[in-house]
Amino acid sequence: MPIRLRLFVAAITALMLTTGWSLYREVSIGESMSAAGKAYIDTLDGKQRRSGHWKYDDERRVGWHFVPKDKRKGVEIKQMTPEQREARTSCCVPRSPKRATTR
């Protein structure tokens, strides 16, 4: 096999491997963040859950702004327990799957 063909095959193989690894890593981080979000929601009591969690098709879900609105304040940090604050922080920080499970 000519050297140019070998180099071409090696380059394509390396490209496929790095692309595959990148896609695998992105899916794993997304799954880790999703699990952290679910863990946070599970720490909320009934009243807190109603004030900050809506169904996907609810119009209020997309009506947000950096400045709190009267109708959508959500759960305030000062109202959270230490466990809830930790869970909130965990779902806001992207982590690799290995780090997320060893924390």
Protein backbone atom coordinates (compact mmCIF):
# COMPACT_ATOMS: atom_id res chain seq x y z
CA MET A 1 0.00 0.00 0.00
CA PRO A 2 1.49 3.39 -0.96
CA ILE A 3 2.54 5.70 1.88
CA ARG A 4 0.08 8.43 0.84
CA LEU A 5 -2.81 6.00 1.06
CA ARG A 6 -1.65 4.78 4.49
CA LEU A 7 -1.45 8.36 5.76
CA PHE A 8 -4.89 9.12 4.37
CA VAL A 9 -6.41 6.02 6.02
CA ALA A 10 -4.67 6.86 9.31
CA ALA A 11 -5.96 10.45 9.20
CA ILE A 12 -9.53 9.35 8.46
CA THR A 13 -9.39 6.74 11.24
CA ALA A 14 -8.13 9.32 13.74
CA LEU A 15 -10.83 11.76 12.69
CA MET A 16 -13.56 9.15 13.11
CA LEU A 17 -12.28 8.12 16.54
CA THR A 18 -12.06 11.69 17.88
CA THR A 19 -15.49 12.57 16.48
CA GLY A 20 -17.01 9.47 18.04
CA TRP A 21 -15.40 10.20 21.41
CA SER A 22 -16.62 13.82 21.34
CA LEU A 23 -20.20 12.75 20.63
CA TYR A 24 -20.05 10.10 23.36
CA ARG A 25 -18.72 12.65 25.87
CA GLU A 26 -21.43 15.22 25.02
CA VAL A 27 -24.20 12.67 25.52
CA SER A 28 -22.68 11.57 28.83
CA ILE A 29 -22.44 15.14 30.13
CA GLY A 30 -26.05 15.80 29.06
CA GLU A 31 -27.21 12.70 30.90
CA SER A 32 -25.24 13.78 33.97
CA MET A 33 -26.79 17.26 33.93
CA SER A 34 -30.26 15.80 33.41
CA ALA A 35 -29.81 13.49 36.40
CA ALA A 36 -28.62 16.44 38.52
CA GLY A 37 -31.69 18.47 37.50
CA LYS A 38 -34.02 15.62 38.43
CA ALA A 39 -32.24 15.23 41.77
CA TYR A 40 -32.80 18.95 42.44
CA ILE A 41 -36.51 18.74 41.57
CA ASP A 42 -36.82 15.75 43.92
CA THR A 43 -35.59 17.88 46.86
CA LEU A 44 -38.41 20.42 46.47
CA ASP A 45 -41.57 20.19 48.54
CA GLY A 46 -45.02 20.58 46.95
CA LYS A 47 -45.24 24.38 47.20
CA GLN A 48 -41.71 24.90 45.91
CA ARG A 49 -42.28 22.49 43.05
CA ARG A 50 -45.44 24.34 41.96
CA SER A 51 -43.64 27.71 41.98
CA GLY A 52 -40.65 26.68 39.89
CA HIS A 53 -41.49 23.65 37.78
CA TRP A 54 -43.87 23.59 34.83
CA LYS A 55 -44.77 21.13 32.13
CA TYR A 56 -42.86 21.46 28.88
CA ASP A 57 -45.86 22.80 26.94
CA ASP A 58 -46.81 25.42 29.59
CA GLU A 59 -46.57 29.01 28.24
CA ARG A 60 -44.99 30.21 31.50
CA ARG A 61 -41.94 28.03 30.90
CA VAL A 62 -40.56 30.35 28.22
CA GLY A 63 -41.64 33.63 29.87
CA TRP A 64 -38.45 34.25 31.85
CA HIS A 65 -36.03 37.12 32.30
CA PHE A 66 -32.93 37.79 34.37
CA VAL A 67 -34.95 40.19 36.48
CA PRO A 68 -37.56 38.22 38.48
CA LYS A 69 -41.12 38.73 37.30
CA ASP A 70 -44.09 38.91 39.67
CA LYS A 71 -45.73 35.85 38.14
CA ARG A 72 -42.57 33.81 37.83
CA LYS A 73 -40.27 34.15 40.79
CA GLY A 74 -39.48 30.47 41.17
CA VAL A 75 -37.88 29.14 44.33
CA GLU A 76 -35.72 31.75 46.03
CA ILE A 77 -32.35 30.64 47.35
CA LYS A 78 -33.12 32.05 50.80
CA GLN A 79 -36.12 29.69 50.98
CA MET A 80 -34.03 26.59 50.19
CA THR A 81 -32.58 24.11 52.63
CA PRO A 82 -28.82 23.47 52.47
CA GLU A 83 -29.55 20.17 50.66
CA GLN A 84 -31.63 22.01 48.05
CA ARG A 85 -28.92 24.65 47.56
CA GLU A 86 -26.32 21.94 46.98
CA ALA A 87 -28.59 20.15 44.50
CA ARG A 88 -29.28 23.44 42.68
CA THR A 89 -25.57 24.18 42.41
CA SER A 90 -24.87 20.66 41.16
CA CYS A 91 -27.32 20.98 38.28
CA CYS A 92 -25.93 24.36 37.22
CA VAL A 93 -22.32 23.19 36.86
CA PRO A 94 -21.54 20.98 33.85
CA ARG A 95 -19.42 18.00 34.83
CA SER A 96 -17.89 15.05 33.18
CA PRO A 97 -19.68 11.82 34.13
CA LYS A 98 -16.66 10.59 36.11
CA ARG A 99 -16.49 13.75 38.23
CA ALA A 100 -20.26 13.83 38.75
CA THR A 101 -20.32 10.33 40.20
CA THR A 102 -17.26 10.74 42.42
CA ARG A 103 -18.32 14.01 43.99
